[in-house]
Amino acid sequence: MFIKNLKNNSNTYKCGKTMGNFLIKEGFPVLSKDGNLIVFAYTERLKKVLAHLPLHLKIMRKLRIING
């Protein structure tokens, strides 16, 4: 079950499948799925995880290979 109408919510983090699967493995609950985008709550814990991503995800993010 997912939450609908999260289009303009500033407390959410939207990302693609690769980043989304990583965050799910880290234990973050999915709020919504919108096509290829996966939506998570933008929390302090999420900020910390995004700041300390594995090297391969950092590189793919920087080169804009993945959405996240």
Protein backbone atom coordinates (compact mmCIF):
# COMPACT_ATOMS: atom_id res chain seq x y z
CA MET A 1 0.00 0.00 0.00
CA PHE A 2 1.39 3.38 -1.04
CA ILE A 3 0.51 7.01 -0.33
CA LYS A 4 -0.93 8.98 -3.25
CA ASN A 5 -0.69 12.72 -4.05
CA LEU A 6 2.95 13.26 -3.06
CA LYS A 7 3.72 15.42 -6.10
CA ASN A 8 4.77 18.66 -4.34
CA ASN A 9 5.82 17.52 -0.90
CA SER A 10 9.15 18.99 0.22
CA ASN A 11 9.56 16.34 2.94
CA THR A 12 10.06 13.56 0.42
CA TYR A 13 13.03 12.22 -1.51
CA LYS A 14 12.40 10.89 -5.02
CA CYS A 15 14.89 8.64 -6.72
CA GLY A 16 15.23 6.00 -9.41
CA LYS A 17 15.24 2.24 -9.14
CA THR A 18 18.96 1.76 -8.42
CA MET A 19 19.10 4.25 -5.57
CA GLY A 20 15.65 3.15 -4.37
CA ASN A 21 16.70 -0.48 -4.11
CA PHE A 22 19.78 0.54 -2.12
CA LEU A 23 17.64 2.57 0.30
CA ILE A 24 15.15 -0.28 0.69
CA LYS A 25 18.05 -2.61 1.59
CA GLU A 26 19.14 0.00 4.16
CA GLY A 27 15.72 -0.32 5.79
CA PHE A 28 13.89 2.78 4.56
CA PRO A 29 10.15 2.32 4.01
CA VAL A 30 8.75 3.27 0.60
CA LEU A 31 6.06 5.96 0.72
CA SER A 32 5.05 5.79 -2.91
CA LYS A 33 6.00 4.61 -6.38
CA ASP A 34 5.33 6.86 -9.34
CA GLY A 35 6.38 5.15 -12.56
CA ASN A 36 10.15 4.64 -12.27
CA LEU A 37 10.42 6.98 -9.28
CA ILE A 38 10.43 5.68 -5.71
CA VAL A 39 9.51 8.12 -2.94
CA PHE A 40 10.90 8.07 0.61
CA ALA A 41 10.44 10.35 3.63
CA TYR A 42 13.28 12.90 3.79
CA THR A 43 14.57 12.37 7.33
CA GLU A 44 17.81 13.08 9.18
CA ARG A 45 18.76 9.40 8.85
CA LEU A 46 18.22 9.55 5.08
CA LYS A 47 20.40 12.66 4.86
CA LYS A 48 23.21 10.81 6.69
CA VAL A 49 22.95 7.76 4.43
CA LEU A 50 23.00 9.95 1.30
CA ALA A 51 26.09 11.75 2.61
CA HIS A 52 27.92 8.43 3.07
CA LEU A 53 26.94 6.46 -0.03
CA PRO A 54 29.11 3.65 -1.39
CA LEU A 55 31.63 4.84 -3.98
CA HIS A 56 29.89 3.30 -6.99
CA LEU A 57 26.61 5.08 -6.16
CA LYS A 58 28.40 8.39 -5.57
CA ILE A 59 30.05 8.18 -8.98
CA MET A 60 26.84 7.20 -10.78
CA ARG A 61 24.98 10.04 -9.03
CA LYS A 62 27.65 12.61 -9.88
CA LEU A 63 27.68 11.56 -13.54
CA ARG A 64 23.86 11.57 -13.54
CA ILE A 65 23.71 7.94 -14.61
CA ILE A 66 21.16 7.28 -11.88
CA ASN A 67 18.35 9.48 -10.62
CA GLY A 68 18.75 10.24 -6.95
